């Protein structure tokens, strides 16, 4: 099992999860983060740290559309090991459902 970042992260990208990850398995895109499933050790410490409730176990129904995307983009985007600044309008996007159409495949910095 692994944890998965879902579309709830899109445009929020708070990055609190990055600080607690013991194996640095987060990767950064232009407007969200993903978890590399082959690196995740299933410790679960990231899940409660996410203010947007965007991290779920891969067994959760909300993860099904995002499991493969996490793998694909973790292989393309840069690894992130320290918390950065969330977008200035992150709080405005928090809790907005169905943000999948806003997903950007571009890598972040």
Protein backbone atom coordinates (compact mmCIF):
# COMPACT_ATOMS: atom_id res chain seq x y z
CA UNK A 1 0.00 0.00 0.00
CA UNK A 2 1.01 3.59 -0.57
CA UNK A 3 -0.44 7.03 -0.08
CA UNK A 4 -1.70 9.12 -2.98
CA UNK A 5 -2.11 12.84 -3.52
CA UNK A 6 -5.51 13.62 -5.07
CA UNK A 7 -6.97 16.61 -6.92
CA UNK A 8 -7.71 18.32 -3.61
CA UNK A 9 -4.05 19.43 -3.70
CA UNK A 10 -4.44 21.26 -7.01
CA UNK A 11 -3.97 25.02 -6.59
CA UNK A 12 -3.49 24.56 -2.80
CA UNK A 13 -0.06 22.88 -2.72
CA UNK A 14 0.48 23.61 0.99
CA UNK A 15 3.52 21.29 1.31
CA UNK A 16 3.15 20.62 5.06
CA UNK A 17 3.37 16.93 4.15
CA UNK A 18 6.88 17.34 2.78
CA UNK A 19 8.28 18.35 6.16
CA UNK A 20 7.20 15.15 7.91
CA UNK A 21 8.01 12.58 5.22
CA UNK A 22 10.87 10.37 6.48
CA UNK A 23 11.76 9.11 2.98
CA UNK A 24 11.38 12.28 0.86
CA UNK A 25 8.93 10.69 -1.60
CA UNK A 26 7.16 13.91 -2.66
CA UNK A 27 7.56 15.44 -6.09
CA UNK A 28 6.48 18.91 -7.11
CA UNK A 29 4.42 19.98 -10.07
CA UNK A 30 3.35 23.41 -11.16
CA UNK A 31 0.14 23.32 -9.12
CA UNK A 32 0.23 20.17 -6.95
CA UNK A 33 2.43 17.53 -5.36
CA UNK A 34 2.54 13.76 -5.93
CA UNK A 35 3.93 10.82 -3.98
CA UNK A 36 6.22 8.28 -5.63
CA UNK A 37 4.50 4.98 -4.76
CA UNK A 38 7.70 2.95 -4.99
CA UNK A 39 9.36 5.20 -2.40
CA UNK A 40 6.45 5.62 0.02
CA UNK A 41 6.82 3.37 3.08
CA UNK A 42 3.16 3.62 4.05
CA UNK A 43 3.92 5.30 7.38
CA UNK A 44 0.95 7.65 7.04
CA UNK A 45 2.51 10.65 8.77
CA UNK A 46 1.78 12.89 5.77
CA UNK A 47 -1.97 12.29 5.68
CA UNK A 48 -2.96 14.27 8.81
CA UNK A 49 -0.52 17.09 7.93
CA UNK A 50 -2.33 18.05 4.72
CA UNK A 51 -4.61 21.07 5.34
CA UNK A 52 -6.53 20.27 2.13
CA UNK A 53 -7.15 16.60 3.00
CA UNK A 54 -5.60 15.71 -0.35
CA UNK A 55 -3.60 12.66 0.80
CA UNK A 56 -5.34 9.31 1.07
CA UNK A 57 -4.32 5.62 1.12
CA UNK A 58 -4.38 3.99 -2.30
CA UNK A 59 -7.18 1.74 -1.03
CA UNK A 60 -9.47 4.78 -0.64
CA UNK A 61 -12.01 5.26 -3.45
CA UNK A 62 -10.85 8.87 -3.89
CA UNK A 63 -7.37 7.60 -4.85
CA UNK A 64 -8.36 5.46 -7.82
CA UNK A 65 -8.12 8.26 -10.41
CA UNK A 66 -4.80 9.47 -8.99
CA UNK A 67 -2.68 6.36 -8.30
CA UNK A 68 -1.23 6.15 -11.80
CA UNK A 69 -0.80 9.92 -12.11
CA UNK A 70 1.22 9.98 -8.90
CA UNK A 71 3.56 7.35 -10.36
CA UNK A 72 3.84 8.97 -13.80
CA UNK A 73 4.53 12.48 -12.56
CA UNK A 74 6.80 11.42 -9.69
CA UNK A 75 9.08 10.12 -12.44
CA UNK A 76 8.95 13.44 -14.32
CA UNK A 77 8.83 16.15 -11.65
CA UNK A 78 11.61 17.24 -9.28
CA UNK A 79 11.85 15.78 -5.81
CA UNK A 80 10.94 18.15 -2.98
CA UNK A 81 12.44 17.70 0.49
CA UNK A 82 11.60 20.99 2.18
CA UNK A 83 8.38 22.87 2.61
CA UNK A 84 8.06 25.84 0.31
CA UNK A 85 5.53 28.62 0.18
CA UNK A 86 2.03 27.68 -0.95
CA UNK A 87 0.43 29.79 -3.67
CA UNK A 88 -0.90 33.12 -2.36
CA UNK A 89 -4.48 32.07 -3.16
CA UNK A 90 -4.18 28.54 -1.68
CA UNK A 91 -6.78 29.17 1.01
CA UNK A 92 -9.31 30.28 -1.62
CA UNK A 93 -8.91 26.89 -3.39
CA UNK A 94 -9.01 24.77 -0.23
CA UNK A 95 -12.14 22.64 -0.10
CA UNK A 96 -13.13 23.24 -3.72
CA UNK A 97 -14.20 19.85 -5.12
CA UNK A 98 -13.48 18.34 -8.53
CA UNK A 99 -10.35 20.29 -9.46
CA UNK A 100 -9.07 17.61 -11.86
CA UNK A 101 -9.60 19.84 -14.93
CA UNK A 102 -7.15 22.36 -13.42
CA UNK A 103 -4.31 19.82 -13.20
CA UNK A 104 -1.06 20.95 -14.83
CA UNK A 105 1.42 18.33 -16.06
CA UNK A 106 4.24 20.89 -15.88
CA UNK A 107 7.00 20.40 -13.31
CA UNK A 108 7.26 22.76 -10.38
CA UNK A 109 10.23 24.39 -8.76
